[in-house]
Structure formats: structure tokens, C-alpha cells
Amino acid sequence: MNVLVVDDQYDVVQGVIAGVNWQELHIDNVYPTYGPDEARAILHTNQVHIMLCDIEMPLENGLELFKWVKTQYPAIECIFLSSYSEFEYAQEAIQLGCFDYILQPARYENIQASIERAIHKIHADTHMQQIYEYGAYWRQNEEFLLENCIRSFMLDPGKQPQQLLRDLSNIHISVSPHTQFCSVLIQLTSANKEPVKYELRHVLTKLIEPFELNLLFVQLDRVNYLALLYTEGVFDVHITDLMKPFITAIQNELGCSAACYVSDIGQPDKLKLHYKSLIHMRQQNVALYSKVFTMQQLNQIKENFYSIPDMQNWSILISHGSSKTVRDQIHSYLLQQKQLGNMSAEFLARFHQDFIQLFLTAANHMKLEVNNIFFEQYPYADYIQAYTSLDKMIDLVNFTLDYIEVHATEASKIQSPIEKAIDYINQNIEKNFSRAEVAEAIYLNPEYLSRLFKKEKGISLNDFIVTRKMEISKSLLTSTHIPVHIIASKVGYSNFSYFSQVFKKHCGLTPIEYRQQQES
């Protein structure tokens, strides 16, 4: 708030500026001027709320200046500071609409008190103007304001049910503290690009019409809508029974898939609690199932749906260059869990934790630098929130495996022949290949590669291949329930009997005996 001081006497102006505690009044700027022309110049270039003005000044008095101010800036409050006690001056000032008339000399405390009263009047006038404008706006925008008042009630923890009832009453919607409500959160899981608010409301209105239910329909954002169904009596229908045909109808009529989250029935004082439960249900629907969810289902969510995937084997495959295979297996695993109905936020959170541990372990084994990738190359917020959506989780999986694949390829450009041979073995572990095929893949003579391998690793190339296959077999036997004959095929043995012989020779036990020993 700003104040203009007008007086032709320099000492008077400076005395007022020094004598009033402007900081206590929360005044931002005080403009000193020494005549009407200078005052007009300030008014043209600055916003002024209060004018302190002398009456008797050369060329033009303060009353004439105030007349001009009232025509140009009618909201400005004027306080006259005058040494003239003649009644005529005060009478004319009052007739012009001045806020106060103070005889000089006056105590600065009195001047400050008058300014404070003027400030209160300005605030009160501003508030009344806002109320008037708000009322006119309310009448012209009832639907928009309905949405706004319901949104603000749901999101503002300080707003009480009584305030919602008053706001609804102001737009002629009658509800009482005993009105029965059922809240439904509608989430479009695959939406038409065109706005569908009115179409959705129309479909729902037709469905509830036979049951004499009232409806408040609010668009929360581009894909989320809140339907408040209410009645002064009792609900004669289960809302879940209405929302199932609603999902079918909008799919057929609008081409939209939707999930509907249905609350319990309760009075207005339960609305916020129910809304929070609906939001929690929506957060659990990370796979965007198109169906009806209830609060009873929310209470039945169990964590034991999470079946730990074969992270150890994935880590081995990644660190040995088979990230594409791991990507396919992870996609398949997540899709299978979605189809089984096991997908929830808790499920993805646990998978997220296990997968990141897998990624870091594999990257460390491959000596890749990954400390800052979730700050510099991938949005940190997306990394942290990946468990909130199946699509986000798949995006994170794809990014991390792409990162490993690209950087592993760069590292391979400076690999030694032995490292290249080992990479070929790891990437083709499911195949039945020979020493000659390994040598051919890295453009070396088989005999030369064998001698080089034995010299550097202390083991023959053929023995290394068998050892590597047996290590993976042992990992699969202990960490999964995959049948033994399938494990044999996964490490390149089409003959199960021969696989068992090789395994026993290497480990001292048959594959079945080894699994039983590990389980016990």
C-alpha cells in the first residue's frame, strides 16, 4: 500500500515522513511532493491508496487537487492536514468525500491513527467489492464453481462439511448433514482425445434415473472424474451394479475404457475420508484394469501376490551380455502378473526394489559407471515413481537394459580375445556350440584360441564352457522350480541323460539330488 504526502512546506512533508511509523502500518512506499502539479505527476506513474494533503498552497489549493483526484482516481482516500480551522474548509472537504480532516499542528500519533483507519476502510471496501463481483460471477458460472467448491473441499484439509453444504446451498443445491452420499471416482484408462465430460455424465444420469438418485459430476483433470450420488432416503441399488454397465456403455458409445472406484455410503462428514480411499484404490491400479473397485476389495489387498522372479539368473544373463533375453523375460513376467490380476502398487514397489538391485549388481560386475544415471540421463522423479504405473516400470526396465547394452558394446570394442570368447559363450549359453564355433565368431584359429585361453585362464576352453553351463544350471536349480529337463535345454543340452551325467561328473550329484540337497 502506498501513501502520497502533498504540502508546499518542505519541513511539514519531511516531518510527517519521519514522524509516522510506516513499517508498523505496512506501507510500502511514501511519496513526498511539494505542490499539486508534482502530486499529479506521481499519481500518473504510481499507484496511490492514501493522500495526505494540505489545503492552502500557492496557485492551487488542496481542495481543487482533491476534486481532480476524485474524478481520476476515485478509490484514493484523502486526509486533509490543515492549519485552517474555518468551518467552510472542513465542510467542503467533507462534501467532497475526504476521509478525515486534521487541524495542524497535530501529533504524529493522531495522524498515524487516521491513516490506520483509512487502511481499514480500504480493506473493507476491497472485500465488499470482491463479494459483489464474486456473487455476480457465481450466478454466471454455477457449474464451474460447483466443480471448484467440491475440488477445494476434497483437497483442503481445513474445510469442514458445513462449509461445503453452505457453498452448495448458494448455487441452489440442497443437501443436509443427513444426506446419504456414495462417491465414485472414474478414471479413463484409454480415452478419446475429445472432451467427454458431458457424455459421461449423460450415460451415468440415464443409469441412475430409475432409482431417483441425484448426481453431482465433477471433472478433476483430463482423465479423472468424481461422481457424487446422493439421496435424502436410502440407496435402493448397489452402485457397483450400476458402474459395471456404465463401463460397458462408455466403451460402446464413446470408445473409452474406464476404471470405477466406488466408496461406501455415508453422510457429508465421511466424504473426505471416502475420497482418500478412492485415491488410494486408484494408486493401486497400476496396470489400469478396466473394472469396478470397491473399498472392501481395498481392504483385502494382500502382499503375498508377489512371486519373486528369477533375479539371480537375470543378473547373470545381463552381466554376460544377454540383456535382450532378460528384457523379453521381464516383459513376459509382468504381463503374466497383470493377466493373473496380481498387479498392484505394492507388487510393483517390491519388483522395483528387486530390479534396481539386479541392475546395480550386474552393472558392478561389468564395471560400468552408473552412479549418476538417475540424475543426468533419466529423470530422478520418474525413477522413484516407477512403481506407480506398469508403463513407467516397463520404461525404466527398457532404459536400464538399453544403458547396459550400449555401454557393454562400447566396452567390448577394447576387449581382449579371451574376453570376447567368454562373452560369446555367455550370450549363447542356451546353444550346443563347439570350441571351433567360438573361435570362428571372434575370427581366431581354434588351436591358437585354445592355447591362449589355457595360458590366461588356467583351464581349457572346452572345460570352461562346461563349467559355465553347470554354474547356470546350479543357479536355476536352487532359485527356481523349473523342471530339470527344461534347465538342461536352457544350457544347450538336448539329451537329458547326457546332461545328468555331465552334471554329476562336475558336481558329484545328479541335478535332482543337487536340488533336493539345496532345498533341505
Protein backbone atom coordinates (compact mmCIF):
# COMPACT_ATOMS: atom_id res chain seq x y z
CA MET A 1 0.00 0.00 0.00
CA ASN A 2 1.32 3.49 -0.93
CA VAL A 3 0.86 6.99 0.52
CA LEU A 4 1.24 10.41 -1.15
CA VAL A 5 2.12 13.46 1.01
CA VAL A 6 1.33 16.89 -0.53
CA ASP A 7 2.35 20.18 1.11
CA ASP A 8 4.17 23.25 -0.15
CA GLN A 9 6.27 23.40 3.05
CA TYR A 10 9.32 21.12 2.94
CA ASP A 11 9.57 20.81 6.73
CA VAL A 12 5.94 19.69 7.06
CA VAL A 13 6.37 16.96 4.44
CA GLN A 14 9.62 15.67 5.93
CA GLY A 15 8.17 15.87 9.45
CA VAL A 16 5.22 13.64 8.51
CA ILE A 17 7.51 11.17 6.76
CA ALA A 18 9.82 10.97 9.78
CA GLY A 19 7.12 11.07 12.45
CA VAL A 20 4.80 8.26 11.27
CA ASN A 21 5.79 4.63 11.76
CA TRP A 22 5.13 3.46 8.21
CA GLN A 23 6.53 0.00 8.80
CA GLU A 24 4.00 -0.60 11.56
CA LEU A 25 1.23 0.37 9.12
CA HIS A 26 2.68 -1.98 6.45
CA ILE A 27 3.07 0.92 4.00
CA ASP A 28 5.33 0.04 1.07
CA ASN A 29 6.07 3.49 -0.38
CA VAL A 30 5.67 7.12 0.79
CA TYR A 31 5.92 9.73 -1.99
CA PRO A 32 6.82 13.30 -0.88
CA THR A 33 5.53 16.12 -3.16
CA TYR A 34 5.50 19.92 -2.74
CA GLY A 35 2.62 21.05 -4.89
CA PRO A 36 -0.41 19.87 -6.92
CA ASP A 37 1.49 19.57 -10.22
CA GLU A 38 4.14 17.35 -8.66
CA ALA A 39 1.40 15.30 -6.98
CA ARG A 40 -0.37 14.75 -10.33
CA ALA A 41 2.89 13.53 -11.86
CA ILE A 42 3.31 10.94 -9.08
CA LEU A 43 -0.33 9.83 -9.44
CA HIS A 44 0.10 9.31 -13.18
CA THR A 45 3.05 6.96 -12.71
CA ASN A 46 2.41 5.22 -9.36
CA GLN A 47 -0.47 3.51 -7.57
CA VAL A 48 -1.52 5.56 -4.54
CA HIS A 49 -4.04 4.46 -1.92
CA ILE A 50 -3.97 7.35 0.61
CA MET A 51 -3.25 11.05 0.07
CA LEU A 52 -2.23 13.36 2.96
CA CYS A 53 -2.83 16.87 1.68
CA ASP A 54 -2.54 20.50 2.81
CA ILE A 55 -5.34 22.89 1.79
CA GLU A 56 -3.66 26.25 1.35
CA MET A 57 -0.93 26.04 -1.31
CA PRO A 58 0.27 28.54 -3.95
CA LEU A 59 -1.51 28.60 -7.34
CA GLU A 60 -3.95 25.78 -6.45
CA ASN A 61 -5.33 24.66 -3.09
CA GLY A 62 -5.71 21.12 -1.84
CA LEU A 63 -9.49 21.11 -2.31
CA GLU A 64 -9.12 21.70 -6.05
CA LEU A 65 -6.50 18.96 -6.24
CA PHE A 66 -8.82 16.55 -4.41
CA LYS A 67 -11.69 17.33 -6.83
CA TRP A 68 -9.41 16.29 -9.68
CA VAL A 69 -8.26 13.17 -7.81
CA LYS A 70 -11.89 12.09 -7.23
CA THR A 71 -12.57 12.19 -10.97
CA GLN A 72 -9.35 10.42 -11.98
CA TYR A 73 -8.68 8.05 -9.04
CA PRO A 74 -11.93 7.74 -7.05
CA ALA A 75 -10.64 4.91 -4.82
CA ILE A 76 -7.96 7.10 -3.19
CA GLU A 77 -8.73 8.10 0.42
CA CYS A 78 -7.79 11.69 1.31
CA ILE A 79 -6.80 13.02 4.74
CA PHE A 80 -6.51 16.81 4.91
CA LEU A 81 -3.82 18.31 7.18
CA SER A 82 -4.60 22.00 7.55
CA SER A 83 -3.85 24.83 9.94
CA TYR A 84 -7.16 26.50 8.91
CA SER A 85 -9.94 25.88 11.38
CA GLU A 86 -12.65 27.68 9.39
CA PHE A 87 -15.80 25.58 9.19
CA GLU A 88 -16.20 26.29 5.47
CA TYR A 89 -12.96 24.43 4.62
CA ALA A 90 -13.91 21.40 6.66
CA GLN A 91 -17.46 21.42 5.30
CA GLU A 92 -16.31 21.49 1.68
CA ALA A 93 -13.71 18.76 2.34
CA ILE A 94 -16.39 16.53 3.85
CA GLN A 95 -18.77 17.23 0.96
CA LEU A 96 -16.05 16.20 -1.48
CA GLY A 97 -15.74 12.87 0.38
CA CYS A 98 -12.47 13.20 2.27
CA PHE A 99 -11.76 10.52 4.84
CA ASP A 100 -10.56 12.83 7.64
CA TYR A 101 -9.76 16.48 8.40
CA ILE A 102 -6.93 17.07 10.90
CA LEU A 103 -6.01 20.50 12.23
CA GLN A 104 -2.32 21.34 12.35
CA PRO A 105 -0.24 21.25 14.38
CA ALA A 106 -1.22 17.67 15.18
CA ARG A 107 0.53 14.85 16.99
CA TYR A 108 2.06 12.29 14.66
CA GLU A 109 0.30 9.57 16.67
CA ASN A 110 -3.05 11.11 15.67
CA ILE A 111 -2.03 11.30 12.02
CA GLN A 112 -0.90 7.68 12.15
CA ALA A 113 -4.19 6.62 13.78
CA SER A 114 -6.15 8.34 11.00
CA ILE A 115 -4.04 6.64 8.33
CA GLU A 116 -4.66 3.27 10.05
CA ARG A 117 -8.42 3.85 9.98
CA ALA A 118 -8.19 4.73 6.28
CA ILE A 119 -6.31 1.49 5.65
CA HIS A 120 -9.06 -0.49 7.39
CA LYS A 121 -11.68 1.25 5.25
CA ILE A 122 -9.77 0.45 2.05
CA HIS A 123 -9.53 -3.22 3.04
CA ALA A 124 -13.25 -3.31 3.90
CA ASP A 125 -14.21 -1.66 0.60
CA THR A 126 -12.00 -4.06 -1.32
CA HIS A 127 -13.57 -7.01 0.46
CA MET A 128 -17.10 -5.80 -0.28
CA GLN A 129 -16.22 -5.27 -3.93
CA GLN A 130 -14.83 -8.79 -4.10
CA ILE A 131 -18.02 -10.16 -2.56
CA TYR A 132 -20.14 -8.29 -5.08
CA GLU A 133 -18.02 -9.42 -8.03
CA TYR A 134 -17.91 -12.98 -6.69
CA GLY A 135 -21.70 -13.07 -6.39
CA ALA A 136 -22.17 -11.92 -9.98
CA TYR A 137 -19.53 -14.37 -11.18
CA TRP A 138 -21.15 -17.19 -9.17
CA ARG A 139 -24.50 -16.65 -10.85
CA GLN A 140 -22.91 -16.74 -14.31
CA ASN A 141 -20.66 -19.75 -13.68
CA GLU A 142 -22.56 -22.07 -11.39
CA GLU A 143 -21.27 -25.30 -12.96
CA PHE A 144 -17.64 -24.21 -12.89
CA LEU A 145 -17.98 -23.04 -9.29
CA LEU A 146 -19.69 -26.27 -8.30
CA GLU A 147 -16.63 -28.17 -9.50
CA ASN A 148 -14.34 -25.70 -7.81
CA CYS A 149 -16.05 -25.87 -4.41
CA ILE A 150 -16.12 -29.68 -4.42
CA ARG A 151 -12.47 -29.88 -5.52
CA SER A 152 -11.35 -27.41 -2.88
CA PHE A 153 -13.40 -29.20 -0.19
CA MET A 154 -11.85 -32.56 -1.02
CA LEU A 155 -8.29 -31.23 -1.22
CA ASP A 156 -8.27 -28.65 1.59
CA PRO A 157 -7.93 -30.40 4.98
CA GLY A 158 -9.12 -27.26 6.73
CA LYS A 159 -12.54 -27.12 5.06
CA GLN A 160 -15.41 -28.58 7.06
CA PRO A 161 -18.57 -30.34 5.73
CA GLN A 162 -20.70 -27.40 6.89
CA GLN A 163 -18.82 -25.11 4.53
CA LEU A 164 -19.46 -27.47 1.61
CA LEU A 165 -23.17 -27.54 2.45
CA ARG A 166 -23.26 -23.71 2.51
CA ASP A 167 -21.44 -23.47 -0.82
CA LEU A 168 -23.82 -25.94 -2.43
CA SER A 169 -26.80 -24.06 -0.99
CA ASN A 170 -25.53 -20.84 -2.61
CA ILE A 171 -25.96 -22.44 -6.02
CA HIS A 172 -29.36 -23.88 -5.09
CA ILE A 173 -28.24 -27.45 -4.40
CA SER A 174 -29.95 -28.61 -1.25
CA VAL A 175 -28.18 -31.17 0.89
CA SER A 176 -28.31 -31.71 4.65
CA PRO A 177 -25.93 -33.18 7.23
CA HIS A 178 -28.02 -36.37 6.96
CA THR A 179 -27.91 -36.72 3.16
CA GLN A 180 -26.55 -40.11 2.09
CA PHE A 181 -23.66 -39.99 -0.39
CA CYS A 182 -21.84 -42.59 -2.46
CA SER A 183 -18.68 -41.32 -4.18
CA VAL A 184 -17.42 -42.80 -7.44
CA LEU A 185 -14.02 -41.94 -8.92
CA ILE A 186 -14.00 -42.56 -12.67
CA GLN A 187 -10.59 -42.93 -14.32
CA LEU A 188 -10.36 -43.12 -18.10
CA THR A 189 -7.72 -45.76 -18.78
CA SER A 190 -7.80 -45.31 -22.55
CA ALA A 191 -9.54 -42.14 -23.59
CA ASN A 192 -10.83 -40.41 -26.66
CA LYS A 193 -8.81 -37.24 -27.26
CA GLU A 194 -12.01 -35.18 -27.37
CA PRO A 195 -13.55 -33.94 -24.07
CA VAL A 196 -16.15 -36.43 -22.84
CA LYS A 197 -17.34 -34.90 -19.57
CA TYR A 198 -20.91 -34.23 -20.66
CA GLU A 199 -21.18 -37.59 -22.41
CA LEU A 200 -20.01 -39.43 -19.30
CA ARG A 201 -22.46 -37.52 -17.13
CA HIS A 202 -25.29 -38.24 -19.59
CA VAL A 203 -24.59 -42.00 -19.54
CA LEU A 204 -24.48 -42.09 -15.74
CA THR A 205 -27.62 -39.94 -15.42
CA LYS A 206 -29.58 -42.41 -17.55
CA LEU A 207 -28.42 -45.33 -15.41
CA ILE A 208 -29.38 -43.77 -12.06
CA GLU A 209 -32.68 -42.26 -13.25
CA PRO A 210 -34.89 -45.25 -12.26
CA PHE A 211 -33.56 -45.13 -8.70
CA GLU A 212 -34.30 -41.42 -8.00
CA LEU A 213 -30.71 -40.61 -7.16
CA ASN A 214 -29.21 -37.12 -7.50
CA LEU A 215 -25.84 -36.54 -9.13
CA LEU A 216 -23.02 -34.02 -8.76
CA PHE A 217 -20.47 -34.62 -11.52
CA VAL A 218 -17.03 -33.02 -11.32
CA GLN A 219 -14.10 -33.18 -13.72
CA LEU A 220 -10.88 -33.41 -11.69
CA ASP A 221 -8.42 -33.45 -14.60
CA ARG A 222 -8.13 -34.75 -18.14
CA VAL A 223 -8.83 -38.39 -17.25
CA ASN A 224 -10.35 -38.36 -13.74
CA TYR A 225 -13.95 -37.54 -12.79
CA LEU A 226 -15.77 -37.60 -9.47
CA ALA A 227 -19.44 -38.56 -9.33
CA LEU A 228 -21.27 -37.85 -6.05
CA LEU A 229 -24.52 -39.82 -5.96
CA TYR A 230 -26.82 -38.75 -3.15
CA THR A 231 -30.31 -39.11 -1.74
CA GLU A 232 -32.25 -37.99 1.31
CA GLY A 233 -33.63 -41.52 1.62
CA VAL A 234 -31.83 -44.81 1.16
CA PHE A 235 -29.94 -46.29 -1.78
CA ASP A 236 -32.21 -48.85 -3.47
CA VAL A 237 -29.41 -50.20 -5.69
CA HIS A 238 -25.81 -51.30 -5.25
CA ILE A 239 -23.73 -48.68 -7.01
CA THR A 240 -21.28 -51.35 -8.17
CA ASP A 241 -24.18 -52.88 -10.11
CA LEU A 242 -24.63 -49.55 -11.90
CA MET A 243 -20.98 -48.92 -12.65
CA LYS A 244 -20.43 -52.23 -14.46
CA PRO A 245 -22.95 -51.35 -17.23
CA PHE A 246 -21.55 -47.79 -17.13
CA ILE A 247 -18.10 -49.11 -18.12
CA THR A 248 -19.65 -51.19 -20.89
CA ALA A 249 -21.77 -48.28 -22.15
CA ILE A 250 -18.96 -45.77 -22.45
CA GLN A 251 -16.80 -48.39 -24.15
CA ASN A 252 -19.53 -48.98 -26.75
CA GLU A 253 -20.76 -45.38 -27.14
CA LEU A 254 -17.58 -43.34 -26.60
CA GLY A 255 -14.74 -45.76 -27.25
CA CYS A 256 -13.37 -45.14 -23.75
CA SER A 257 -12.10 -47.70 -21.26
CA ALA A 258 -12.52 -46.80 -17.60
CA ALA A 259 -11.88 -47.95 -14.07
CA CYS A 260 -14.51 -47.05 -11.45
CA TYR A 261 -13.66 -46.83 -7.75
CA VAL A 262 -16.75 -46.95 -5.50
CA SER A 263 -16.88 -45.77 -1.89
CA ASP A 264 -19.12 -46.88 0.94
CA ILE A 265 -22.31 -44.93 1.62
CA GLY A 266 -22.09 -42.18 4.22
CA GLN A 267 -23.11 -38.68 5.27
CA PRO A 268 -21.22 -35.50 4.25
CA ASP A 269 -18.80 -35.83 7.15
CA LYS A 270 -17.44 -39.03 5.53
CA LEU A 271 -16.87 -37.53 2.06
CA LYS A 272 -13.21 -36.63 2.56
CA LEU A 273 -12.35 -39.98 4.11
CA HIS A 274 -14.07 -41.79 1.26
CA TYR A 275 -12.30 -39.62 -1.33
CA LYS A 276 -8.91 -40.50 0.14
CA SER A 277 -9.82 -44.19 -0.07
CA LEU A 278 -10.80 -43.75 -3.73
CA ILE A 279 -7.45 -42.10 -4.48
CA HIS A 280 -5.66 -44.96 -2.73
CA MET A 281 -7.60 -47.50 -4.80
CA ARG A 282 -6.65 -45.64 -7.97
CA GLN A 283 -2.99 -45.65 -6.94
CA GLN A 284 -3.18 -49.43 -6.54
CA ASN A 285 -4.49 -49.86 -10.09
CA VAL A 286 -1.03 -49.54 -11.65
CA ALA A 287 -1.96 -51.88 -14.50
CA LEU A 288 -5.03 -49.76 -15.40
CA TYR A 289 -7.52 -52.61 -15.14
CA SER A 290 -10.85 -51.54 -16.64
CA LYS A 291 -13.26 -52.71 -13.92
CA VAL A 292 -15.12 -51.70 -10.75
CA PHE A 293 -13.16 -51.49 -7.49
CA THR A 294 -14.73 -51.26 -4.02
CA MET A 295 -13.43 -50.33 -0.59
CA GLN A 296 -13.99 -53.94 0.53
CA GLN A 297 -11.57 -55.07 -2.18
CA LEU A 298 -9.08 -52.48 -0.98
CA ASN A 299 -9.14 -54.00 2.49
CA GLN A 300 -8.46 -57.44 1.02
CA ILE A 301 -5.28 -56.48 -0.86
CA LYS A 302 -2.52 -58.85 0.21
CA GLU A 303 1.21 -58.58 -0.29
CA ASN A 304 1.70 -62.32 -0.85
CA PHE A 305 0.66 -61.98 -4.51
CA TYR A 306 4.26 -61.04 -5.28
CA SER A 307 6.18 -64.04 -6.58
CA ILE A 308 9.90 -63.32 -6.65
CA PRO A 309 11.15 -63.68 -10.23
CA ASP A 310 14.49 -65.28 -11.07
CA MET A 311 16.54 -62.15 -10.40
CA GLN A 312 19.79 -64.07 -9.88
CA ASN A 313 19.62 -65.71 -13.27
CA TRP A 314 18.66 -62.37 -14.88
CA SER A 315 21.67 -60.75 -13.26
CA ILE A 316 23.95 -63.47 -14.64
CA LEU A 317 22.45 -63.14 -18.11
CA ILE A 318 22.77 -59.33 -18.08
CA SER A 319 26.35 -59.34 -16.90
CA HIS A 320 27.20 -61.79 -19.67
CA GLY A 321 25.66 -59.78 -22.46
CA SER A 322 22.15 -61.25 -22.72
CA SER A 323 20.20 -58.11 -21.78
CA LYS A 324 17.81 -58.59 -24.72
CA THR A 325 16.84 -62.01 -23.38
CA VAL A 326 16.28 -60.53 -19.92
CA ARG A 327 14.17 -57.72 -21.36
CA ASP A 328 11.88 -60.23 -23.08
CA GLN A 329 11.59 -62.34 -19.94
CA ILE A 330 10.77 -59.33 -17.74
CA HIS A 331 8.11 -58.10 -20.16
CA SER A 332 6.62 -61.58 -20.24
CA TYR A 333 6.70 -61.86 -16.44
CA LEU A 334 5.00 -58.50 -15.85
CA LEU A 335 2.35 -59.18 -18.49
CA GLN A 336 1.62 -62.56 -16.93
CA GLN A 337 1.21 -60.99 -13.46
CA LYS A 338 -1.15 -58.40 -14.92
CA GLN A 339 -3.25 -61.09 -16.57
CA LEU A 340 -3.39 -63.01 -13.28
CA GLY A 341 -4.74 -59.89 -11.57
CA ASN A 342 -1.78 -59.66 -9.19
CA MET A 343 -0.58 -56.21 -10.26
CA SER A 344 -0.78 -53.50 -7.59
CA ALA A 345 1.34 -50.61 -6.32
CA GLU A 346 2.72 -52.84 -3.55
CA PHE A 347 3.60 -55.50 -6.13
CA LEU A 348 5.41 -53.03 -8.39
CA ALA A 349 7.17 -51.41 -5.43
CA ARG A 350 8.70 -54.75 -4.45
CA PHE A 351 9.59 -55.57 -8.05
CA HIS A 352 11.10 -52.08 -8.41
CA GLN A 353 13.35 -52.68 -5.41
CA ASP A 354 14.47 -56.11 -6.62
CA PHE A 355 15.06 -54.94 -10.19
CA ILE A 356 17.21 -51.95 -9.21
CA GLN A 357 19.30 -54.23 -7.02
CA LEU A 358 19.63 -56.58 -10.01
CA PHE A 359 20.66 -53.70 -12.28
CA LEU A 360 23.28 -52.35 -9.87
CA THR A 361 24.72 -55.83 -9.27
CA ALA A 362 25.02 -56.54 -13.00
CA ALA A 363 26.49 -53.08 -13.72
CA ASN A 364 29.04 -53.52 -10.94
CA HIS A 365 30.02 -56.93 -12.28
CA MET A 366 30.51 -55.37 -15.72
CA LYS A 367 32.44 -52.43 -14.19
CA LEU A 368 30.00 -49.87 -15.61
CA GLU A 369 29.69 -46.39 -14.09
CA VAL A 370 26.04 -45.93 -13.01
CA ASN A 371 26.26 -43.54 -10.04
CA ASN A 372 24.58 -40.57 -11.72
CA ILE A 373 22.40 -42.03 -14.46
CA PHE A 374 19.18 -41.36 -12.49
CA PHE A 375 20.12 -37.70 -12.23
CA GLU A 376 21.82 -36.96 -15.53
CA GLN A 377 20.28 -39.36 -18.07
CA TYR A 378 16.94 -40.44 -16.60
CA PRO A 379 14.56 -38.19 -14.60
CA TYR A 380 15.06 -38.95 -10.93
CA ALA A 381 11.36 -38.40 -10.18
CA ASP A 382 10.42 -40.99 -12.84
CA TYR A 383 12.91 -43.44 -11.36
CA ILE A 384 11.48 -43.01 -7.84
CA GLN A 385 7.84 -43.14 -9.04
CA ALA A 386 8.24 -46.06 -11.46
CA TYR A 387 6.22 -48.32 -9.15
CA THR A 388 3.11 -46.14 -9.60
CA SER A 389 2.44 -47.36 -13.13
CA LEU A 390 3.15 -50.54 -15.10
CA ASP A 391 4.02 -48.39 -18.14
CA LYS A 392 6.53 -46.38 -16.07
CA MET A 393 8.08 -49.56 -14.74
CA ILE A 394 8.49 -51.01 -18.23
CA ASP A 395 10.03 -47.72 -19.37
CA LEU A 396 12.55 -47.91 -16.51
CA VAL A 397 13.38 -51.54 -17.36
CA ASN A 398 13.92 -50.64 -21.01
CA PHE A 399 16.12 -47.66 -20.14
CA THR A 400 18.39 -49.55 -17.75
CA LEU A 401 18.82 -52.52 -20.07
CA ASP A 402 19.46 -50.19 -23.04
CA TYR A 403 22.08 -48.41 -20.94
CA ILE A 404 23.86 -51.67 -20.12
CA GLU A 405 23.66 -52.89 -23.71
CA VAL A 406 25.11 -49.67 -25.17
CA HIS A 407 27.89 -49.35 -22.62
CA ALA A 408 28.70 -53.05 -22.73
CA THR A 409 29.02 -52.74 -26.54
CA GLU A 410 31.39 -49.80 -26.11
CA ALA A 411 33.46 -51.78 -23.62
CA SER A 412 33.60 -54.78 -25.95
CA LYS A 413 35.40 -52.68 -28.58
CA ILE A 414 38.54 -52.85 -26.47
CA GLN A 415 38.08 -56.42 -25.24
CA SER A 416 40.84 -58.98 -25.43
CA PRO A 417 40.29 -62.18 -27.47
CA ILE A 418 39.67 -64.12 -24.23
CA GLU A 419 37.02 -61.59 -23.07
CA LYS A 420 35.36 -61.80 -26.47
CA ALA A 421 35.33 -65.59 -26.27
CA ILE A 422 33.76 -65.53 -22.80
CA ASP A 423 31.12 -63.03 -23.95
CA TYR A 424 30.25 -65.29 -26.89
CA ILE A 425 29.87 -68.25 -24.53
CA ASN A 426 27.61 -66.30 -22.14
CA GLN A 427 25.43 -64.90 -24.89
CA ASN A 428 24.93 -68.32 -26.48
CA ILE A 429 24.69 -70.41 -23.34
CA GLU A 430 21.38 -71.97 -24.50
CA LYS A 431 23.04 -73.35 -27.63
CA ASN A 432 25.11 -76.50 -28.13
CA PHE A 433 28.27 -75.00 -29.63
CA SER A 434 31.84 -76.19 -30.05
CA ARG A 435 35.28 -74.71 -29.48
CA ALA A 436 35.59 -74.16 -33.24
CA GLU A 437 32.38 -72.10 -33.33
CA VAL A 438 33.67 -69.83 -30.55
CA ALA A 439 36.94 -69.30 -32.44
CA GLU A 440 35.14 -68.60 -35.70
CA ALA A 441 32.91 -65.98 -34.00
CA ILE A 442 35.93 -63.96 -32.87
CA TYR A 443 37.99 -64.57 -36.03
CA LEU A 444 40.74 -66.72 -34.49
CA ASN A 445 42.22 -70.13 -35.24
CA PRO A 446 40.71 -72.77 -32.86
CA GLU A 447 44.10 -74.18 -31.85
CA TYR A 448 45.55 -70.74 -31.21
CA LEU A 449 42.49 -69.71 -29.15
CA SER A 450 42.71 -72.91 -27.08
CA ARG A 451 46.37 -72.35 -26.24
CA LEU A 452 45.75 -68.67 -25.45
CA PHE A 453 42.74 -69.49 -23.27
CA LYS A 454 44.60 -72.21 -21.33
CA LYS A 455 47.56 -69.92 -20.77
CA GLU A 456 45.47 -66.99 -19.45
CA LYS A 457 42.69 -68.79 -17.55
CA GLY A 458 44.46 -71.97 -16.47
CA ILE A 459 41.63 -74.09 -17.84
CA SER A 460 40.88 -75.44 -21.28
CA LEU A 461 38.26 -73.72 -23.40
CA ASN A 462 36.07 -76.84 -23.50
CA ASP A 463 36.23 -77.24 -19.72
CA PHE A 464 35.36 -73.54 -19.27
CA ILE A 465 32.27 -73.94 -21.47
CA VAL A 466 31.07 -76.95 -19.44
CA THR A 467 31.83 -75.20 -16.13
CA ARG A 468 29.90 -72.13 -17.20
CA LYS A 469 26.88 -74.19 -18.20
CA MET A 470 26.96 -76.07 -14.91
CA GLU A 471 27.12 -72.80 -12.88
CA ILE A 472 23.98 -71.53 -14.55
CA SER A 473 22.32 -74.92 -14.11
CA LYS A 474 23.03 -74.85 -10.37
CA SER A 475 21.64 -71.32 -10.11
CA LEU A 476 18.42 -72.34 -11.86
CA LEU A 477 18.08 -75.48 -9.74
CA THR A 478 18.34 -73.54 -6.47
CA SER A 479 16.45 -70.35 -7.33
CA THR A 480 13.57 -71.66 -9.47
CA HIS A 481 11.15 -74.57 -9.72
CA ILE A 482 11.81 -75.07 -13.44
CA PRO A 483 11.78 -78.79 -14.34
CA VAL A 484 15.26 -80.29 -14.72
CA HIS A 485 14.79 -81.24 -18.36
CA ILE A 486 13.90 -77.60 -19.17
CA ILE A 487 17.03 -76.41 -17.35
CA ALA A 488 19.05 -78.82 -19.46
CA SER A 489 17.70 -77.25 -22.64
CA LYS A 490 18.39 -73.75 -21.29
CA VAL A 491 22.10 -74.54 -21.12
CA GLY A 492 22.33 -76.27 -24.50
CA TYR A 493 21.73 -79.96 -23.70
CA SER A 494 19.01 -81.61 -25.75
CA ASN A 495 19.78 -85.04 -24.24
CA PHE A 496 18.62 -85.05 -20.60
CA SER A 497 20.52 -88.23 -19.73
CA TYR A 498 23.79 -86.82 -21.04
CA PHE A 499 23.17 -83.57 -19.15
CA SER A 500 22.71 -85.54 -15.91
CA GLN A 501 25.99 -87.41 -16.50
CA VAL A 502 27.92 -84.18 -17.12
CA PHE A 503 26.29 -82.50 -14.09
CA LYS A 504 27.14 -85.43 -11.79
CA LYS A 505 30.71 -85.52 -13.04
CA HIS A 506 31.05 -81.80 -12.34
CA CYS A 507 29.13 -81.57 -9.04
CA GLY A 508 29.21 -85.07 -7.59
CA LEU A 509 25.40 -85.28 -7.58
CA THR A 510 22.67 -85.66 -10.18
CA PRO A 511 20.63 -82.49 -10.87
CA ILE A 512 17.66 -83.85 -8.89
CA GLU A 513 19.86 -84.83 -5.95
CA TYR A 514 21.53 -81.40 -6.02
CA ARG A 515 18.16 -79.61 -5.91
CA GLN A 516 16.93 -81.80 -3.05
CA GLN A 517 20.14 -81.15 -1.11
CA GLN A 518 19.83 -77.39 -1.55
CA GLU A 519 16.17 -77.41 -0.51
CA SER A 520 16.92 -79.40 2.62
